[in-house]
Amino acid sequence: MPKAYPFVILYIILNAGAAFAGDAPVSDATQECLDCHAVYHPGIVADWKKSRHAAVTPKAAMAVGDLQRRMSGGKVPEALQATGVGCAECHTLRGDAHADTFEHNGYDIHVVVSPDDCATCHATERRQYSKNIMAMAEKNLSENTLYADLQRNILGAAEVTPDRVHFTPADDMTRADACYYCHGTRLRVTATEIRDTDAGELAFPVIAGWPNQGVGRVNLDGSRGACSACHTRHRFSIEMARKPYTCKECHVGPDVPAFKVYSASKHGNIFSSMNAGWDFDTVPWTLGEDIQAPTCATCHISLTVNADGDVINPRTHQMSDRLGWRIFGLIYAHPQPQSPDTTIIRNAAGLQLPTDLDGSLAADFLISADEIETRRTAMRRTCLACHDTSWVKGFFARLDNTIATSNRSVKAATQLMRSIWDQGYARGLAGGGSMFDQYIERRWSDVWLLYANNIRFVSAMAGGGDYGVFEDGRYHLTRAIMDMHDWQQTRDLIMEGKKGVK
């Protein structure tokens, strides 16, 4: 042990051999971690003690039957099978692969645990997540020139000049505090620093982009993603991941209003009123018995069964497995991309967009109609566990209509915007400018980035109707289109007046 203050030494002596962990035995290395960190970081240790990692060894977890089994790694190294999954098992694993590995009290430790570390026991989930668009969220934002331009004009510091408002690129801390909080930062080790701690002087790596638990975080072993985005450290609770509050952290709107809509929906009402008696921890999840209304995880991720134990949908960590349409974040709703790396997409104009500005699809990069139907069938299975066929058919018919009508409204707004660009009233890309840095362009982006998204989410999530009308919905969409039309007409009149003066 490094030098410590007397109370630390006394604490360790009094608690020598104490059961810091849960029911499972702990490795010697993990016990050393616990001996110190129970003093310095008692919250971390207390949280971990309540985890399944502390209670069950990988060997015991692998012996569980197929449907009840929670880990998918079939070849967990022998040395890791007989003890609980503790500090050392995660923070010393694959040390050579991590740029932040450093010597700490006789062990090579890395700060950032990555999905490739978790794959030691959760290989299937890791593989599925890598196919998930969330895993590429950092790249899809930072390496798409249009998105990068949009975020610059949202996050950048404003500078007012005589002819316009200019936005300088945001600094790294602002980016990490904003869009990249959810999309994930790119981590890198910049230095080593010596800290004077209660345990003496210790060396630690300095990591740029840290802290972060964004879904597409670029880790120091080169992997992408953060399991802790949904399974928060150090308890890594399946109960927490299954409740809608976890998804709310990044899906609360107004651009992605999923939680708002869910809260106002019939499903959300039932959850809010009745969930105290539900079982969020059991595997598999029996619909109608363990829960009486869906949460986000029920529809998109979880292994669900009926009362007879028949599988309704298998567990997946590829969130689009049951989604045919991508309904938010872009100019038009469109079929899901084939690849999670959306930076490879090019529309007819060569832009990194899945549609052209007239709504035509960049079909070579998007899933087919047959695949849309396959994914929709998977989603229907969950719906049909609680609703009859006519209800489910009516629901999806409304969703299809909402996608079509919202796209038509967006097309009308985009036609106005293109006309405004053509007339030179705004610069746009053709004029050597941006699509997002002038007022009228912001009104255009309001139409598809905020209002059309709300409308579609209300329809897709079966409720919260007011959000689809007056709360950032159809009322605001139609008003924005009227604003755009009046803005253009005003400039037409000004130009006519100037011509008359000449």
Protein backbone atom coordinates (compact mmCIF):
# COMPACT_ATOMS: atom_id res chain seq x y z
CA MET A 1 0.00 0.00 0.00
CA PRO A 2 1.15 3.57 -0.59
CA LYS A 3 1.48 5.86 2.39
CA ALA A 4 -1.91 6.72 3.90
CA TYR A 5 -3.29 8.84 6.65
CA PRO A 6 -3.74 7.08 10.02
CA PHE A 7 -7.54 6.82 9.73
CA VAL A 8 -7.15 5.01 6.41
CA ILE A 9 -4.73 2.46 7.92
CA LEU A 10 -7.04 1.97 10.92
CA TYR A 11 -10.05 1.45 8.63
CA ILE A 12 -8.27 -1.20 6.59
CA ILE A 13 -7.02 -3.05 9.70
CA LEU A 14 -10.49 -3.10 11.26
CA ASN A 15 -12.04 -4.31 8.04
CA ALA A 16 -9.41 -6.83 6.99
CA GLY A 17 -11.16 -9.81 5.42
CA ALA A 18 -14.53 -8.05 5.43
CA ALA A 19 -16.96 -9.01 2.69
CA PHE A 20 -16.85 -5.92 0.48
CA ALA A 21 -18.37 -7.78 -2.44
CA GLY A 22 -21.70 -9.47 -2.96
CA ASP A 23 -22.27 -13.22 -2.83
CA ALA A 24 -19.50 -14.18 -5.28
CA PRO A 25 -15.86 -14.49 -4.19
CA VAL A 26 -13.55 -11.72 -5.37
CA SER A 27 -10.08 -11.98 -6.83
CA ASP A 28 -7.08 -10.85 -4.81
CA ALA A 29 -6.54 -7.95 -7.19
CA THR A 30 -10.12 -6.75 -6.86
CA GLN A 31 -9.94 -7.07 -3.08
CA GLU A 32 -6.94 -4.73 -3.07
CA CYS A 33 -8.94 -2.24 -5.10
CA LEU A 34 -11.88 -2.49 -2.73
CA ASP A 35 -9.72 -2.06 0.36
CA CYS A 36 -8.67 1.41 -0.78
CA HIS A 37 -11.64 2.58 -2.79
CA ALA A 38 -14.13 1.76 -0.05
CA VAL A 39 -12.48 4.67 1.74
CA TYR A 40 -11.79 7.04 -1.14
CA HIS A 41 -14.84 6.26 -3.32
CA PRO A 42 -17.42 4.61 -1.06
CA GLY A 43 -20.23 5.38 -3.50
CA ILE A 44 -18.60 3.38 -6.25
CA VAL A 45 -17.97 0.38 -4.02
CA ALA A 46 -21.46 0.46 -2.50
CA ASP A 47 -23.01 0.62 -5.96
CA TRP A 48 -20.91 -2.28 -7.23
CA LYS A 49 -21.76 -4.40 -4.18
CA LYS A 50 -25.42 -4.26 -5.23
CA SER A 51 -24.62 -5.36 -8.78
CA ARG A 52 -25.08 -8.75 -10.40
CA HIS A 53 -21.36 -8.59 -11.22
CA ALA A 54 -20.64 -8.79 -7.50
CA ALA A 55 -23.17 -11.54 -6.87
CA VAL A 56 -22.64 -14.04 -9.70
CA THR A 57 -19.47 -15.51 -11.19
CA PRO A 58 -19.18 -15.86 -14.99
CA LYS A 59 -19.05 -19.64 -14.54
CA ALA A 60 -22.41 -19.61 -12.75
CA ALA A 61 -23.84 -17.18 -15.29
CA MET A 62 -22.85 -19.45 -18.18
CA ALA A 63 -24.65 -22.39 -16.56
CA VAL A 64 -28.04 -20.65 -16.72
CA GLY A 65 -30.58 -21.86 -19.30
CA ASP A 66 -30.82 -20.17 -22.69
CA LEU A 67 -33.78 -17.84 -22.12
CA GLN A 68 -32.75 -16.95 -18.57
CA ARG A 69 -29.11 -16.41 -19.48
CA ARG A 70 -27.83 -12.83 -19.30
CA MET A 71 -24.33 -13.22 -20.71
CA SER A 72 -23.46 -14.41 -24.18
CA GLY A 73 -19.73 -15.02 -24.01
CA GLY A 74 -19.21 -18.74 -24.47
CA LYS A 75 -15.44 -18.77 -24.00
CA VAL A 76 -14.73 -16.64 -20.96
CA PRO A 77 -11.06 -17.10 -19.97
CA GLU A 78 -10.61 -19.67 -17.21
CA ALA A 79 -8.93 -17.12 -14.94
CA LEU A 80 -12.07 -14.96 -14.97
CA GLN A 81 -14.70 -17.62 -14.39
CA ALA A 82 -14.51 -18.34 -10.68
CA THR A 83 -14.76 -14.87 -9.13
CA GLY A 84 -17.18 -11.99 -9.35
CA VAL A 85 -16.65 -9.35 -12.01
CA GLY A 86 -14.92 -6.66 -9.98
CA CYS A 87 -12.63 -3.68 -10.36
CA ALA A 88 -9.60 -5.59 -11.57
CA GLU A 89 -11.55 -7.81 -13.95
CA CYS A 90 -12.70 -4.75 -15.91
CA HIS A 91 -9.93 -2.19 -15.39
CA THR A 92 -6.93 -4.46 -16.02
CA LEU A 93 -8.41 -6.40 -18.94
CA ARG A 94 -6.61 -6.09 -22.29
CA GLY A 95 -4.23 -3.49 -20.89
CA ASP A 96 -2.00 -3.48 -23.96
CA ALA A 97 -4.93 -2.35 -26.12
CA HIS A 98 -5.67 0.77 -24.06
CA ALA A 99 -3.74 4.00 -24.54
CA ASP A 100 -4.66 5.07 -20.99
CA THR A 101 -3.07 2.07 -19.25
CA PHE A 102 -0.84 3.17 -16.38
CA GLU A 103 0.90 1.60 -13.39
CA HIS A 104 -1.15 1.94 -10.22
CA ASN A 105 -0.12 0.28 -6.96
CA GLY A 106 1.54 -2.60 -8.75
CA TYR A 107 -1.16 -3.14 -11.38
CA ASP A 108 -1.51 -1.94 -14.96
CA ILE A 109 -4.85 -0.13 -14.87
CA HIS A 110 -6.86 1.62 -17.57
CA VAL A 111 -9.46 4.22 -16.67
CA VAL A 112 -11.91 3.77 -19.55
CA VAL A 113 -13.64 0.40 -19.83
CA SER A 114 -14.77 -0.14 -23.41
CA PRO A 115 -17.33 -2.34 -25.20
CA ASP A 116 -14.46 -4.55 -26.35
CA ASP A 117 -13.68 -5.24 -22.68
CA CYS A 118 -17.34 -6.03 -21.98
CA ALA A 119 -17.33 -8.37 -24.99
CA THR A 120 -15.29 -10.84 -22.92
CA CYS A 121 -18.58 -11.89 -21.31
CA HIS A 122 -21.12 -10.18 -23.58
CA ALA A 123 -19.89 -11.01 -27.07
CA THR A 124 -23.26 -11.13 -28.83
CA GLU A 125 -24.39 -7.80 -27.38
CA ARG A 126 -21.10 -6.22 -28.38
CA ARG A 127 -21.38 -7.53 -31.94
CA GLN A 128 -24.97 -6.34 -32.24
CA TYR A 129 -24.17 -2.94 -30.82
CA SER A 130 -21.37 -2.44 -33.36
CA LYS A 131 -24.03 -2.70 -36.09
CA ASN A 132 -26.14 -0.11 -34.33
CA ILE A 133 -26.21 3.45 -35.63
CA MET A 134 -25.62 4.61 -32.05
CA ALA A 135 -22.17 3.04 -32.10
CA MET A 136 -21.20 5.39 -34.92
CA ALA A 137 -22.90 8.45 -33.44
CA GLU A 138 -19.68 10.42 -32.91
CA LYS A 139 -18.41 9.79 -36.44
CA ASN A 140 -21.81 10.33 -38.04
CA LEU A 141 -21.90 13.79 -36.50
CA SER A 142 -18.29 14.90 -36.72
CA GLU A 143 -17.47 13.51 -40.19
CA ASN A 144 -20.60 14.59 -42.02
CA THR A 145 -19.88 18.04 -43.42
CA LEU A 146 -23.53 19.14 -43.30
CA TYR A 147 -24.02 17.98 -39.71
CA ALA A 148 -20.74 19.58 -38.69
CA ASP A 149 -21.97 22.82 -40.24
CA LEU A 150 -25.33 22.55 -38.47
CA GLN A 151 -23.74 21.96 -35.07
CA ARG A 152 -21.26 24.83 -35.65
CA ASN A 153 -24.18 27.17 -36.22
CA ILE A 154 -25.92 25.89 -33.08
CA LEU A 155 -22.99 25.58 -30.69
CA GLY A 156 -20.62 28.26 -31.98
CA ALA A 157 -20.03 31.57 -30.25
CA ALA A 158 -21.97 34.34 -31.98
CA GLU A 159 -20.18 37.33 -33.51
CA VAL A 160 -22.34 40.14 -34.85
CA THR A 161 -20.98 41.90 -37.95
CA PRO A 162 -22.63 44.71 -39.96
CA ASP A 163 -24.04 42.30 -42.55
CA ARG A 164 -24.77 39.14 -40.55
CA VAL A 165 -24.39 37.04 -37.43
CA HIS A 166 -21.37 34.76 -37.68
CA PHE A 167 -20.78 31.65 -35.56
CA THR A 168 -17.22 30.61 -34.77
CA PRO A 169 -16.56 26.88 -34.30
CA ALA A 170 -17.29 25.73 -30.76
CA ASP A 171 -14.39 24.75 -28.52
CA ASP A 172 -13.92 21.14 -27.46
CA MET A 173 -15.44 21.62 -24.01
CA THR A 174 -18.58 23.21 -25.45
CA ARG A 175 -18.93 20.38 -27.94
CA ALA A 176 -18.45 17.79 -25.19
CA ASP A 177 -21.05 19.57 -23.07
CA ALA A 178 -23.56 19.71 -25.90
CA CYS A 179 -24.09 17.44 -28.91
CA TYR A 180 -21.22 15.09 -28.04
CA TYR A 181 -22.58 14.46 -24.56
CA CYS A 182 -24.94 11.97 -26.19
CA HIS A 183 -23.13 11.28 -29.47
CA GLY A 184 -19.89 10.59 -27.62
CA THR A 185 -16.51 12.32 -27.55
CA ARG A 186 -13.24 11.15 -29.07
CA LEU A 187 -10.94 10.24 -26.18
CA ARG A 188 -7.17 10.68 -26.29
CA VAL A 189 -4.38 10.70 -23.74
CA THR A 190 -2.64 14.07 -23.74
CA ALA A 191 -0.26 13.83 -20.78
CA THR A 192 0.51 12.26 -17.41
CA GLU A 193 0.03 14.22 -14.22
CA ILE A 194 1.15 13.66 -10.64
CA ARG A 195 -1.59 14.19 -8.08
CA ASP A 196 -1.03 14.67 -4.36
CA THR A 197 -3.72 12.37 -2.95
CA ASP A 198 -4.59 11.10 0.51
CA ALA A 199 -2.69 7.98 -0.49
CA GLY A 200 0.40 9.96 -1.48
CA GLU A 201 1.66 11.15 -4.86
CA LEU A 202 0.21 9.08 -7.69
CA ALA A 203 0.53 9.36 -11.47
CA PHE A 204 -2.57 9.41 -13.69
CA PRO A 205 -3.17 9.83 -17.42
CA VAL A 206 -4.83 13.05 -18.60
CA ILE A 207 -7.62 12.14 -21.01
CA ALA A 208 -9.09 14.70 -23.41
CA GLY A 209 -12.83 14.27 -23.96
CA TRP A 210 -13.28 12.71 -20.54
CA PRO A 211 -15.65 12.32 -18.73
CA ASN A 212 -18.17 11.03 -21.24
CA GLN A 213 -20.58 8.13 -21.65
CA GLY A 214 -21.94 8.99 -25.08
CA VAL A 215 -23.31 6.14 -27.16
CA GLY A 216 -20.70 6.57 -29.91
CA ARG A 217 -17.70 7.48 -27.77
CA VAL A 218 -14.37 6.69 -29.41
CA ASN A 219 -12.44 4.81 -26.74
CA LEU A 220 -8.75 4.57 -26.03
CA ASP A 221 -8.58 1.06 -27.47
CA GLY A 222 -10.12 2.27 -30.75
CA SER A 223 -13.55 0.80 -30.07
CA ARG A 224 -16.74 2.83 -30.35
CA GLY A 225 -19.55 3.06 -27.82
CA ALA A 226 -20.14 3.10 -24.08
CA CYS A 227 -22.15 0.33 -22.45
CA SER A 228 -22.49 2.65 -19.46
CA ALA A 229 -24.71 4.96 -21.52
CA CYS A 230 -27.57 2.59 -20.67
CA HIS A 231 -26.10 0.30 -17.97
CA THR A 232 -24.75 2.99 -15.67
CA ARG A 233 -21.57 2.23 -13.70
CA HIS A 234 -20.95 0.56 -11.35
CA ARG A 235 -24.16 -1.36 -10.88
CA PHE A 236 -24.82 -1.97 -14.58
CA SER A 237 -28.46 -2.62 -13.83
CA ILE A 238 -30.79 -4.24 -16.35
CA GLU A 239 -33.66 -2.69 -14.39
CA MET A 240 -32.28 0.79 -15.00
CA ALA A 241 -31.73 0.10 -18.70
CA ARG A 242 -35.31 -1.11 -19.07
CA LYS A 243 -36.91 1.99 -17.57
CA PRO A 244 -37.66 4.96 -19.84
CA TYR A 245 -35.70 7.44 -17.72
CA THR A 246 -32.46 5.98 -19.06
CA CYS A 247 -33.47 6.68 -22.65
CA LYS A 248 -34.76 10.11 -21.58
CA GLU A 249 -31.20 11.28 -21.02
CA CYS A 250 -30.72 11.69 -24.78
CA HIS A 251 -34.26 11.29 -26.16
CA VAL A 252 -36.19 14.10 -24.52
CA GLY A 253 -36.46 16.59 -27.40
CA PRO A 254 -37.52 18.79 -28.95
CA ASP A 255 -35.47 17.25 -31.76
CA VAL A 256 -35.92 13.70 -30.36
CA PRO A 257 -39.05 14.02 -28.20
CA ALA A 258 -39.46 10.32 -27.44
CA PHE A 259 -39.67 10.65 -23.65
CA LYS A 260 -42.05 13.61 -23.76
CA VAL A 261 -44.35 11.74 -26.09
CA TYR A 262 -44.12 8.52 -24.07
CA SER A 263 -44.90 10.35 -20.84
CA ALA A 264 -48.06 11.81 -22.38
CA SER A 265 -49.14 8.56 -24.07
CA LYS A 266 -51.45 5.87 -22.72
CA HIS A 267 -48.44 3.56 -22.35
CA GLY A 268 -46.60 6.21 -20.34
CA ASN A 269 -49.66 6.87 -18.22
CA ILE A 270 -49.92 3.18 -17.31
CA PHE A 271 -46.19 3.03 -16.56
CA SER A 272 -46.31 6.11 -14.33
CA SER A 273 -49.34 4.86 -12.44
CA MET A 274 -48.64 1.15 -12.11
CA ASN A 275 -44.93 0.39 -12.48
CA ALA A 276 -44.22 0.05 -8.74
CA GLY A 277 -45.53 -3.49 -8.93
CA TRP A 278 -43.71 -4.50 -12.11
CA ASP A 279 -40.62 -6.72 -12.34
CA PHE A 280 -37.89 -4.95 -14.29
CA ASP A 281 -35.11 -7.38 -13.44
CA THR A 282 -36.32 -10.79 -14.54
CA VAL A 283 -35.06 -12.47 -17.72
CA PRO A 284 -36.86 -13.16 -19.94
CA TRP A 285 -39.53 -10.49 -19.64
CA THR A 286 -43.06 -11.94 -19.64
CA LEU A 287 -45.47 -9.47 -21.19
CA GLY A 288 -48.69 -9.12 -19.23
CA GLU A 289 -47.17 -10.63 -16.10
CA ASP A 290 -43.91 -8.82 -15.39
CA ILE A 291 -45.10 -5.60 -17.03
CA GLN A 292 -48.49 -4.40 -18.24
CA ALA A 293 -47.38 -1.73 -20.71
CA PRO A 294 -44.24 -1.29 -22.80
CA THR A 295 -41.22 0.85 -22.04
CA CYS A 296 -38.61 1.82 -24.64
CA ALA A 297 -36.68 -1.39 -23.99
CA THR A 298 -39.77 -3.58 -24.42
CA CYS A 299 -40.23 -2.49 -28.01
CA HIS A 300 -36.65 -1.96 -29.11
CA ILE A 301 -34.27 -4.21 -27.17
CA SER A 302 -35.57 -6.75 -24.69
CA LEU A 303 -36.11 -10.49 -24.88
CA THR A 304 -39.85 -10.86 -24.36
CA VAL A 305 -42.04 -13.95 -23.98
CA ASN A 306 -45.71 -14.71 -23.50
CA ALA A 307 -47.25 -16.47 -20.51
CA ASP A 308 -46.44 -19.86 -22.06
CA GLY A 309 -42.77 -18.94 -22.36
CA ASP A 310 -42.88 -18.61 -26.15
CA VAL A 311 -40.46 -15.96 -27.47
CA ILE A 312 -42.15 -12.85 -28.83
CA ASN A 313 -38.92 -11.08 -29.74
CA PRO A 314 -35.29 -11.99 -28.98
CA ARG A 315 -32.94 -9.65 -27.16
CA THR A 316 -31.04 -7.29 -29.44
CA HIS A 317 -28.58 -4.45 -29.00
CA GLN A 318 -29.00 -3.33 -32.61
CA MET A 319 -31.73 -0.78 -31.97
CA SER A 320 -32.92 -0.69 -35.60
CA ASP A 321 -33.72 -4.43 -35.74
CA ARG A 322 -37.41 -3.64 -35.24
CA LEU A 323 -37.43 -0.28 -37.02
CA GLY A 324 -38.03 0.09 -40.74
CA TRP A 325 -38.15 3.90 -40.89
CA ARG A 326 -35.82 6.56 -39.58
CA ILE A 327 -38.14 9.36 -38.55
CA PHE A 328 -35.96 12.03 -36.96
CA GLY A 329 -32.86 14.14 -37.31
CA LEU A 330 -32.89 14.63 -41.06
CA ILE A 331 -34.81 16.57 -43.69
CA TYR A 332 -37.15 13.71 -44.63
CA ALA A 333 -38.20 10.49 -42.91
CA HIS A 334 -36.61 7.64 -44.84
CA PRO A 335 -35.86 3.91 -44.65
CA GLN A 336 -33.15 2.95 -42.16
CA PRO A 337 -29.57 3.06 -43.50
CA GLN A 338 -27.97 -0.24 -44.46
CA SER A 339 -24.76 0.67 -42.62
CA PRO A 340 -24.44 2.24 -39.17
CA ASP A 341 -21.77 4.49 -40.72
CA THR A 342 -23.98 7.09 -42.36
CA THR A 343 -21.01 9.19 -43.51
CA ILE A 344 -20.73 6.92 -46.56
CA ILE A 345 -24.18 7.96 -47.81
CA ARG A 346 -24.35 10.22 -50.85
CA ASN A 347 -27.51 11.57 -52.47
CA ALA A 348 -27.79 12.46 -56.17
CA ALA A 349 -26.18 15.84 -55.49
CA GLY A 350 -23.21 14.23 -53.72
CA LEU A 351 -24.28 15.40 -50.25
CA GLN A 352 -24.04 13.12 -47.22
CA LEU A 353 -27.82 12.87 -46.97
CA PRO A 354 -30.12 9.84 -47.36
CA THR A 355 -32.50 11.86 -49.55
CA ASP A 356 -32.27 14.61 -52.12
CA LEU A 357 -33.78 17.97 -51.29
CA ASP A 358 -36.86 16.98 -53.30
CA GLY A 359 -37.35 13.93 -51.09
CA SER A 360 -36.00 11.31 -53.51
CA LEU A 361 -34.23 8.49 -51.69
CA ALA A 362 -30.53 7.65 -51.90
CA ALA A 363 -31.84 4.11 -52.23
CA ASP A 364 -28.48 2.37 -52.70
CA PHE A 365 -27.64 3.17 -49.07
CA LEU A 366 -31.02 2.39 -47.49
CA ILE A 367 -32.80 -0.83 -46.58
CA SER A 368 -35.28 -2.32 -49.04
CA ALA A 369 -39.06 -2.45 -48.78
CA ASP A 370 -38.81 -6.15 -47.95
CA GLU A 371 -36.44 -5.43 -45.07
CA ILE A 372 -38.76 -2.67 -43.82
CA GLU A 373 -41.57 -5.22 -43.71
CA THR A 374 -39.37 -7.78 -41.92
CA ARG A 375 -38.53 -5.27 -39.20
CA ARG A 376 -42.10 -4.07 -38.94
CA THR A 377 -43.28 -7.66 -38.50
CA ALA A 378 -40.88 -8.00 -35.56
CA MET A 379 -42.30 -4.85 -33.98
CA ARG A 380 -45.88 -6.03 -34.60
CA ARG A 381 -45.21 -9.15 -32.55
CA THR A 382 -44.74 -6.99 -29.47
CA CYS A 383 -47.83 -4.92 -30.23
CA LEU A 384 -49.96 -8.02 -30.75
CA ALA A 385 -49.06 -9.33 -27.30
CA CYS A 386 -51.42 -6.69 -25.87
CA HIS A 387 -53.57 -5.48 -28.82
CA ASP A 388 -55.77 -7.22 -31.37
CA THR A 389 -55.00 -7.30 -35.09
CA SER A 390 -57.37 -4.50 -36.10
CA TRP A 391 -55.86 -2.15 -33.52
CA VAL A 392 -52.30 -2.89 -34.69
CA LYS A 393 -53.20 -2.58 -38.39
CA GLY A 394 -54.90 0.75 -37.73
CA PHE A 395 -51.90 1.99 -35.78
CA PHE A 396 -49.40 1.25 -38.54
CA ALA A 397 -51.72 2.67 -41.21
CA ARG A 398 -51.77 5.96 -39.28
CA LEU A 399 -48.00 5.90 -38.91
CA ASP A 400 -47.52 5.41 -42.65
CA ASN A 401 -49.91 8.27 -43.31
CA THR A 402 -48.06 10.51 -40.85
CA ILE A 403 -44.73 9.76 -42.50
CA ALA A 404 -46.18 10.58 -45.93
CA THR A 405 -47.99 13.77 -44.90
CA SER A 406 -45.14 15.13 -42.80
CA ASN A 407 -42.73 14.51 -45.67
CA ARG A 408 -45.08 16.43 -47.99
CA SER A 409 -45.07 19.40 -45.63
CA VAL A 410 -41.29 19.26 -45.36
CA LYS A 411 -41.08 19.14 -49.15
CA ALA A 412 -43.20 22.30 -49.39
CA ALA A 413 -40.90 24.08 -46.94
CA THR A 414 -37.83 22.85 -48.79
CA GLN A 415 -39.21 24.04 -52.13
CA LEU A 416 -39.60 27.48 -50.57
CA MET A 417 -36.07 27.34 -49.23
CA ARG A 418 -34.62 26.30 -52.59
CA SER A 419 -36.47 29.15 -54.26
CA ILE A 420 -35.07 31.57 -51.68
CA TRP A 421 -31.56 30.28 -52.38
CA ASP A 422 -32.11 30.52 -56.14
CA GLN A 423 -33.23 34.14 -55.79
CA GLY A 424 -30.13 34.98 -53.78
CA TYR A 425 -32.09 36.02 -50.67
CA ALA A 426 -29.98 33.53 -48.71
CA ARG A 427 -26.58 32.19 -49.69
CA GLY A 428 -26.93 28.43 -49.21
CA LEU A 429 -24.33 25.99 -50.46
CA ALA A 430 -24.47 27.18 -54.06
CA GLY A 431 -23.66 30.69 -52.89
CA GLY A 432 -20.60 29.50 -51.01
CA GLY A 433 -22.33 29.68 -47.66
CA SER A 434 -24.10 27.38 -45.22
CA MET A 435 -27.54 25.81 -45.22
CA PHE A 436 -28.05 26.82 -41.60
CA ASP A 437 -26.53 30.21 -40.76
CA GLN A 438 -29.28 32.65 -41.75
CA TYR A 439 -32.61 33.26 -40.07
CA ILE A 440 -34.75 31.93 -42.89
CA GLU A 441 -32.62 28.78 -43.04
CA ARG A 442 -33.23 28.28 -39.33
CA ARG A 443 -36.98 28.53 -39.91
CA TRP A 444 -36.61 25.87 -42.59
CA SER A 445 -34.62 23.59 -40.28
CA ASP A 446 -37.25 24.15 -37.56
CA VAL A 447 -39.75 22.49 -39.89
CA TRP A 448 -37.91 19.17 -40.21
CA LEU A 449 -35.55 19.10 -37.23
CA LEU A 450 -38.21 19.93 -34.62
CA TYR A 451 -41.81 20.02 -35.79
CA ALA A 452 -41.96 17.11 -38.26
CA ASN A 453 -40.04 15.03 -35.73
CA ASN A 454 -42.66 15.69 -33.04
CA ILE A 455 -45.47 14.78 -35.39
CA ARG A 456 -43.85 11.49 -36.36
CA PHE A 457 -42.91 10.50 -32.82
CA VAL A 458 -46.46 11.04 -31.60
CA SER A 459 -47.73 8.76 -34.35
CA ALA A 460 -44.96 6.16 -33.93
CA MET A 461 -45.38 5.97 -30.16
CA ALA A 462 -49.16 5.74 -30.13
CA GLY A 463 -50.12 8.77 -28.12
CA GLY A 464 -49.48 12.13 -26.62
CA GLY A 465 -51.54 13.74 -29.37
CA ASP A 466 -51.12 17.32 -28.22
CA TYR A 467 -47.39 17.04 -28.86
CA GLY A 468 -48.24 16.36 -32.48
CA VAL A 469 -50.36 19.50 -32.79
CA PHE A 470 -49.72 22.46 -30.50
CA GLU A 471 -46.61 21.35 -28.58
CA ASP A 472 -43.99 21.66 -31.34
CA GLY A 473 -46.23 19.82 -33.81
CA ARG A 474 -48.49 20.62 -36.77
CA TYR A 475 -49.44 24.11 -35.58
CA HIS A 476 -45.81 25.18 -35.45
CA LEU A 477 -44.92 23.40 -38.69
CA THR A 478 -47.61 25.15 -40.71
CA ARG A 479 -46.80 28.50 -39.09
CA ALA A 480 -43.12 28.10 -39.98
CA ILE A 481 -44.03 27.44 -43.61
CA MET A 482 -46.25 30.56 -43.58
CA ASP A 483 -43.36 32.53 -42.07
CA MET A 484 -41.07 31.35 -44.84
CA HIS A 485 -43.58 32.24 -47.53
CA ASP A 486 -44.20 35.72 -46.07
CA TRP A 487 -40.45 36.27 -45.65
CA GLN A 488 -39.90 35.50 -49.32
CA GLN A 489 -42.81 37.69 -50.46
CA THR A 490 -41.52 40.60 -48.41
CA ARG A 491 -38.17 40.39 -50.15
CA ASP A 492 -39.87 40.11 -53.52
CA LEU A 493 -41.69 43.36 -52.78
CA ILE A 494 -38.47 45.03 -51.64
CA MET A 495 -36.73 43.97 -54.83
CA GLU A 496 -39.65 45.19 -56.95
CA GLY A 497 -39.52 48.49 -55.10
CA LYS A 498 -35.82 48.86 -55.81
CA LYS A 499 -36.43 48.17 -59.49
CA GLY A 500 -39.20 50.80 -59.53
CA VAL A 501 -36.88 53.40 -58.05
CA LYS A 502 -34.41 52.79 -60.84
